[in-house]
Protein backbone atom coordinates (compact mmCIF):
# COMPACT_ATOMS: atom_id res chain seq x y z
CA UNK A 1 -0.40 -0.13 0.04
CA UNK A 2 1.04 3.42 -0.74
CA UNK A 3 2.16 6.02 1.81
CA UNK A 4 -0.82 8.28 0.20
CA UNK A 5 -3.19 5.23 0.78
CA UNK A 6 -2.11 4.46 4.40
CA UNK A 7 -2.98 8.23 5.38
CA UNK A 8 -6.41 8.05 4.01
CA UNK A 9 -6.98 4.62 5.90
CA UNK A 10 -5.34 5.75 8.87
CA UNK A 11 -2.92 2.08 8.94
CA UNK A 12 0.44 2.42 8.56
CA UNK A 13 2.04 -0.64 6.03
CA UNK A 14 5.49 -1.75 7.03
CA UNK A 15 7.97 -1.44 3.98
CA UNK A 16 8.74 -5.06 4.26
CA UNK A 17 5.23 -5.92 3.88
CA UNK A 18 4.98 -4.16 1.08
CA UNK A 19 7.74 -5.86 -0.85
CA UNK A 20 6.05 -9.15 -0.04
CA UNK A 21 2.69 -8.26 -1.32
CA UNK A 22 4.13 -6.46 -4.45
CA UNK A 23 4.71 -10.25 -6.34
CA UNK A 24 1.19 -11.27 -5.44
CA UNK A 25 0.01 -7.67 -7.07
CA UNK A 26 1.97 -8.67 -9.99
CA UNK A 27 0.55 -12.12 -10.31
CA UNK A 28 -3.20 -11.27 -9.93
CA UNK A 29 -2.64 -8.42 -12.87
CA UNK A 30 -1.31 -11.00 -14.75
CA UNK A 31 -4.30 -13.67 -14.40
CA UNK A 32 -6.84 -10.42 -14.72
CA UNK A 33 -5.32 -9.98 -18.46
CA UNK A 34 -4.97 -13.73 -19.26
CA UNK A 35 -8.48 -14.15 -18.27
CA UNK A 36 -9.62 -10.93 -19.70
CA UNK A 37 -7.86 -11.63 -23.22
CA UNK A 38 -7.26 -15.41 -24.07
CA UNK A 39 -7.37 -14.98 -27.65
CA UNK A 40 -4.75 -12.21 -27.36
CA UNK A 41 -2.61 -14.67 -24.72
CA UNK A 42 -3.05 -17.73 -26.93
CA UNK A 43 -2.52 -16.34 -30.58
CA UNK A 44 0.84 -14.52 -28.93
CA UNK A 45 2.06 -17.60 -27.06
CA UNK A 46 1.86 -19.46 -29.94
CA UNK A 47 3.05 -16.78 -32.42
CA UNK A 48 6.04 -16.40 -30.62
CA UNK A 49 7.34 -20.39 -30.67
CA UNK A 50 7.17 -19.25 -34.13
CA UNK A 51 9.06 -16.61 -33.98
CA UNK A 52 11.59 -18.58 -31.88
CA UNK A 53 11.58 -21.97 -33.66
CA UNK A 54 12.34 -19.23 -37.02
CA UNK A 55 15.35 -17.35 -35.23
CA UNK A 56 16.76 -20.58 -33.53
CA UNK A 57 16.51 -22.92 -36.45
CA UNK A 58 20.28 -24.03 -36.78
CA UNK A 59 20.02 -25.11 -33.21
CA UNK A 60 17.08 -27.34 -33.40
CA UNK A 61 18.51 -30.42 -34.62
CA UNK A 62 18.48 -28.96 -37.97
CA UNK A 63 20.23 -29.95 -41.27
CA UNK A 64 21.56 -27.53 -44.70
CA UNK A 65 17.84 -27.36 -46.00
CA UNK A 66 19.23 -27.22 -49.52
CA UNK A 67 21.91 -29.99 -48.77
CA UNK A 68 20.72 -32.81 -51.85
CA UNK A 69 21.48 -36.57 -50.72
CA UNK A 70 19.95 -39.06 -53.41
CA UNK A 71 20.95 -41.85 -51.03
CA UNK A 72 18.44 -40.67 -48.29
CA UNK A 73 15.50 -39.72 -50.67
CA UNK A 74 11.75 -40.56 -49.94
CA UNK A 75 12.73 -41.53 -46.47
CA UNK A 76 10.09 -42.10 -44.24
CA UNK A 77 9.28 -39.74 -41.21
CA UNK A 78 11.78 -41.61 -38.30
CA UNK A 79 14.01 -40.90 -35.47
CA UNK A 80 16.70 -39.62 -37.84
CA UNK A 81 14.85 -37.80 -39.94
CA UNK A 82 11.71 -36.43 -38.08
CA UNK A 83 9.55 -35.46 -41.03
CA UNK A 84 11.02 -37.64 -43.71
CA UNK A 85 12.87 -36.37 -46.79
CA UNK A 86 11.90 -35.53 -49.86
CA UNK A 87 12.74 -36.81 -53.43
CA UNK A 88 16.02 -35.30 -53.91
CA UNK A 89 17.16 -36.59 -50.04
CA UNK A 90 16.98 -33.41 -48.28
CA UNK A 91 15.55 -33.10 -44.96
CA UNK A 92 11.90 -31.94 -44.41
CA UNK A 93 12.32 -30.91 -40.96
CA UNK A 94 15.14 -28.78 -41.47
CA UNK A 95 12.87 -27.13 -44.76
CA UNK A 96 10.03 -26.40 -42.95
CA UNK A 97 11.80 -25.09 -39.76
CA UNK A 98 13.66 -22.47 -42.31
CA UNK A 99 11.28 -22.38 -43.95
CA UNK A 100 9.15 -20.37 -41.34
CA UNK A 101 11.75 -17.46 -41.80
CA UNK A 102 10.53 -17.18 -45.54
CA UNK A 103 6.92 -17.13 -44.23
CA UNK A 104 7.67 -14.60 -41.43
CA UNK A 105 9.87 -12.08 -43.27
CA UNK A 106 7.29 -11.99 -46.25
CA UNK A 107 3.86 -11.40 -43.43
CA UNK A 108 5.16 -8.91 -41.30
CA UNK A 109 7.08 -6.75 -44.06
CA UNK A 110 4.24 -6.82 -46.63
CA UNK A 111 1.89 -5.81 -43.47
CA UNK A 112 3.89 -3.11 -42.54
CA UNK A 113 4.93 -1.93 -46.41
CA UNK A 114 0.75 -1.63 -46.97
CA UNK A 115 -0.17 -0.19 -43.58
CA UNK A 116 2.86 2.33 -44.06
CA UNK A 117 1.62 3.64 -47.54
CA UNK A 118 -2.13 2.98 -47.01
CA UNK A 119 -1.97 4.91 -44.21
CA UNK A 120 -0.70 7.99 -46.13
CA UNK A 121 -2.64 7.35 -48.88
CA UNK A 122 -6.03 6.96 -46.50
CA UNK A 123 -5.10 10.37 -44.40
CA UNK A 124 -4.80 12.82 -47.46
CA UNK A 125 -7.69 10.91 -49.23
CA UNK A 126 -10.38 11.54 -46.08
CA UNK A 127 -9.01 15.16 -45.39
CA UNK A 128 -8.73 16.41 -48.44
CA UNK A 129 -11.80 16.64 -50.14
CA UNK A 130 -10.62 17.73 -53.21
CA UNK A 131 -8.32 15.27 -53.98
CA UNK A 132 -10.63 12.22 -52.34
CA UNK A 133 -12.55 11.66 -55.64
CA UNK A 134 -9.39 10.71 -57.94
CA UNK A 135 -7.62 9.11 -55.27
CA UNK A 136 -10.12 6.73 -53.99
CA UNK A 137 -10.88 6.18 -57.88
CA UNK A 138 -7.78 4.68 -58.18
CA UNK A 139 -7.64 2.42 -55.42
CA UNK A 140 -11.38 1.17 -56.49
CA UNK A 141 -9.54 0.41 -59.75
CA UNK A 142 -6.70 -1.96 -57.91
CA UNK A 143 -9.16 -3.17 -55.72
CA UNK A 144 -11.19 -4.68 -58.41
CA UNK A 145 -8.42 -7.12 -59.58
CA UNK A 146 -8.19 -10.14 -56.81
CA UNK A 147 -4.77 -10.10 -54.67
CA UNK A 148 -3.66 -13.09 -55.88
CA UNK A 149 -4.21 -12.10 -59.89
CA UNK A 150 -2.50 -8.47 -59.02
CA UNK A 151 0.42 -10.50 -57.37
CA UNK A 152 0.93 -13.28 -59.90
CA UNK A 153 1.01 -10.24 -62.87
CA UNK A 154 3.01 -8.18 -60.87
CA UNK A 155 5.68 -11.24 -60.19
CA UNK A 156 5.24 -11.90 -64.08
CA UNK A 157 6.73 -8.35 -64.46
CA UNK A 158 9.83 -8.79 -62.25
CA UNK A 159 12.38 -11.91 -61.39
CA UNK A 160 11.55 -14.27 -58.35
CA UNK A 161 12.73 -13.05 -55.12
CA UNK A 162 11.58 -12.67 -51.59
CA UNK A 163 11.92 -9.16 -52.10
CA UNK A 164 9.51 -8.71 -55.19
CA UNK A 165 6.91 -11.09 -53.81
CA UNK A 166 6.82 -8.56 -50.45
CA UNK A 167 6.35 -5.88 -52.68
CA UNK A 168 3.59 -7.21 -55.11
CA UNK A 169 1.66 -8.46 -52.06
CA UNK A 170 2.28 -5.12 -50.70
CA UNK A 171 0.67 -2.84 -53.63
CA UNK A 172 -2.09 -5.99 -53.53
CA UNK A 173 -2.52 -4.76 -50.26
CA UNK A 174 -2.72 -0.94 -50.19
CA UNK A 175 -5.85 -0.20 -51.38
CA UNK A 176 -7.82 -2.10 -48.86
CA UNK A 177 -5.59 -0.33 -46.30
CA UNK A 178 -6.46 3.07 -47.75
CA UNK A 179 -9.95 2.77 -47.59
CA UNK A 180 -10.26 1.76 -44.31
CA UNK A 181 -8.37 4.96 -43.29
CA UNK A 182 -9.94 6.82 -45.41
CA UNK A 183 -13.33 5.63 -43.93
CA UNK A 184 -12.11 6.49 -40.47
CA UNK A 185 -10.62 9.96 -40.95
CA UNK A 186 -14.09 11.20 -43.17
CA UNK A 187 -15.27 10.31 -39.69
CA UNK A 188 -13.28 12.05 -37.09
CA UNK A 189 -12.30 15.05 -39.15
CA UNK A 190 -16.22 16.02 -38.51
CA UNK A 191 -14.79 15.91 -34.77
CA UNK A 192 -15.11 19.38 -32.55
CA UNK A 193 -11.75 19.11 -31.64
CA UNK A 194 -10.71 18.68 -35.18
CA UNK A 195 -12.87 21.55 -36.22
CA UNK A 196 -11.20 23.76 -33.31
CA UNK A 197 -7.71 23.05 -35.15
CA UNK A 198 -8.73 24.33 -38.18
CA UNK A 199 -10.73 27.30 -36.63
CA UNK A 200 -7.54 28.37 -34.77
CA UNK A 201 -5.21 28.01 -37.91
CA UNK A 202 -3.18 24.83 -37.42
CA UNK A 203 -1.54 23.71 -40.53
CA UNK A 204 -3.05 20.62 -42.19
CA UNK A 205 -0.56 18.12 -42.24
CA UNK A 206 -0.29 18.66 -38.20
CA UNK A 207 -3.87 18.51 -38.10
CA UNK A 208 -3.41 15.26 -40.17
CA UNK A 209 -0.17 14.00 -37.52
CA UNK A 210 -1.15 15.04 -34.69
CA UNK A 211 -5.29 14.91 -34.29
CA UNK A 212 -6.24 12.23 -36.79
CA UNK A 213 -3.43 9.50 -36.78
CA UNK A 214 -3.18 8.80 -33.52
CA UNK A 215 -6.94 7.95 -33.81
CA UNK A 216 -6.24 5.55 -36.44
CA UNK A 217 -3.63 3.31 -34.27
CA UNK A 218 -5.92 0.94 -32.85
CA UNK A 219 -7.74 0.09 -36.43
CA UNK A 220 -4.41 0.05 -37.98
CA UNK A 221 -2.71 -2.59 -35.49
CA UNK A 222 -5.79 -4.63 -36.10
CA UNK A 223 -5.88 -4.84 -40.04
CA UNK A 224 -2.34 -5.47 -40.23
CA UNK A 225 -2.82 -8.76 -38.34
CA UNK A 226 -4.74 -10.35 -41.11
CA UNK A 227 -2.51 -8.35 -43.29
CA UNK A 228 0.43 -10.37 -42.07
CA UNK A 229 -1.86 -13.48 -42.81
CA UNK A 230 -3.19 -12.85 -45.82
CA UNK A 231 0.59 -12.20 -47.00
CA UNK A 232 1.64 -15.77 -45.32
CA UNK A 233 -1.19 -17.11 -47.36
CA UNK A 234 -0.43 -15.39 -51.06
CA UNK A 235 3.58 -16.28 -50.80
CA UNK A 236 2.64 -19.98 -50.26
CA UNK A 237 0.16 -20.02 -53.31
CA UNK A 238 2.46 -17.99 -55.84
CA UNK A 239 5.72 -20.41 -54.74
CA UNK A 240 2.98 -23.05 -54.73
CA UNK A 241 2.71 -22.25 -58.77
CA UNK A 242 6.28 -21.11 -59.38
CA UNK A 243 5.52 -17.67 -59.12
CA UNK A 244 7.04 -16.46 -55.55
CA UNK A 245 10.49 -17.35 -54.15
CA UNK A 246 13.32 -19.44 -55.97
CA UNK A 247 12.78 -22.99 -55.95
CA UNK A 248 16.33 -22.83 -54.10
CA UNK A 249 14.77 -20.98 -51.12
CA UNK A 250 13.64 -23.31 -48.89
CA UNK A 251 9.24 -21.95 -48.18
CA UNK A 252 6.74 -23.64 -47.22
CA UNK A 253 5.22 -23.11 -50.92
CA UNK A 254 7.90 -24.22 -52.44
CA UNK A 255 8.34 -27.75 -50.45
CA UNK A 256 4.46 -28.30 -51.38
CA UNK A 257 5.08 -27.31 -54.77
CA UNK A 258 7.36 -29.73 -55.34
CA UNK A 259 5.51 -32.67 -53.72
CA UNK A 260 2.29 -31.95 -55.54
CA UNK A 261 3.24 -34.83 -58.05
CA UNK A 262 3.96 -37.46 -55.57
CA UNK A 263 1.24 -36.32 -52.94
CA UNK A 264 -0.58 -39.74 -52.89
CA UNK A 265 2.59 -41.68 -52.53
CA UNK A 266 4.56 -39.41 -50.07
CA UNK A 267 1.74 -37.22 -48.09
CA UNK A 268 3.83 -36.45 -45.25
CA UNK A 269 5.95 -33.79 -47.59
CA UNK A 270 3.55 -31.49 -48.15
CA UNK A 271 1.52 -32.54 -44.51
CA UNK A 272 4.13 -30.90 -42.25
CA UNK A 273 4.35 -27.62 -44.52
CA UNK A 274 0.69 -27.14 -45.14
CA UNK A 275 0.03 -27.94 -41.34
CA UNK A 276 2.62 -25.17 -39.90
CA UNK A 277 1.17 -22.50 -42.42
CA UNK A 278 -2.22 -23.38 -41.36
CA UNK A 279 -1.25 -23.37 -37.68
CA UNK A 280 0.44 -19.78 -38.12
CA UNK A 281 -1.97 -18.07 -39.96
CA UNK A 282 -4.73 -19.43 -36.99
CA UNK A 283 -2.06 -18.17 -34.31
CA UNK A 284 -2.01 -14.80 -36.37
CA UNK A 285 -5.96 -14.24 -36.59
CA UNK A 286 -6.26 -15.13 -33.19
CA UNK A 287 -3.90 -12.16 -31.98
CA UNK A 288 -5.79 -10.20 -33.84
CA UNK A 289 -9.39 -11.06 -32.99
CA UNK A 290 -7.84 -10.51 -29.25
CA UNK A 291 -6.70 -6.91 -30.53
CA UNK A 292 -9.51 -5.95 -31.94
CA UNK A 293 -11.98 -6.92 -28.63
CA UNK A 294 -9.06 -5.54 -26.66
CA UNK A 295 -9.22 -2.03 -28.66
CA UNK A 296 -12.45 -1.60 -29.40
CA UNK A 297 -14.72 -0.41 -26.57
CA UNK A 298 -18.13 -1.59 -28.19
CA UNK A 299 -16.71 -5.05 -28.40
CA UNK A 300 -15.26 -5.29 -24.92
CA UNK A 301 -17.30 -8.10 -22.59
CA UNK A 302 -17.23 -5.21 -19.99
CA UNK A 303 -17.95 -1.42 -19.37
């Protein structure tokens, strides 16, 4: 109990007792947070495990993910090869673990890039009325093309690389982010504090970045988690059809693409990367759902 609280209640708590009670209070706060936000805790914990797996891949009993050994090709899952080997003798477990790096890099980078560019476009379009119609018609044109088709078209114009995959996925997702931010800005610019800032002569950039942008961060964070999950799926799809990362790079999409011709004979080669992709996307979506419930007071379970 603090000294101020002690003076109000008339009781004096010894410093030693305060030190003893502090850990219990922290545990109580942690337990309360877990109880109120189970989706954030579950999704965040599982996602952290995948991130650590990707970072610590060289120390998790893996081999060189691109090393070919034809003598060991087509091995079933065993104590030596946990996920078996593919038709070139490469360890599937090692390729799946290292493939987590590609999916996480593409998902996070694409979400950050699209969120940054889409937010700038949405802020400018939503606040400047004369520019709104022009910019939004351009975004509508991009949104009329399915994301995967737009990404395939962009990849067809460039060479296969992780950087180009990130760029293609980001460009396909920018219109959706910009429309989300524009919708928020249209409501925020009518708020009294924004009108007061305009009346007082505050410059437009200051109004946008000081008064409007902070109020769009919560929805933007939630949308970024779904953009990250979508980017992982699109990257795997592009790699599966041969329009994504180079085949030499061990990504989950490439592993499934190389095994699709023999999936009926060796289903484990497709099953393991597909399972990790599904689990990772589920974790990100759970985290996004939890953030939405925690940040949106209208969806909160308590007032």
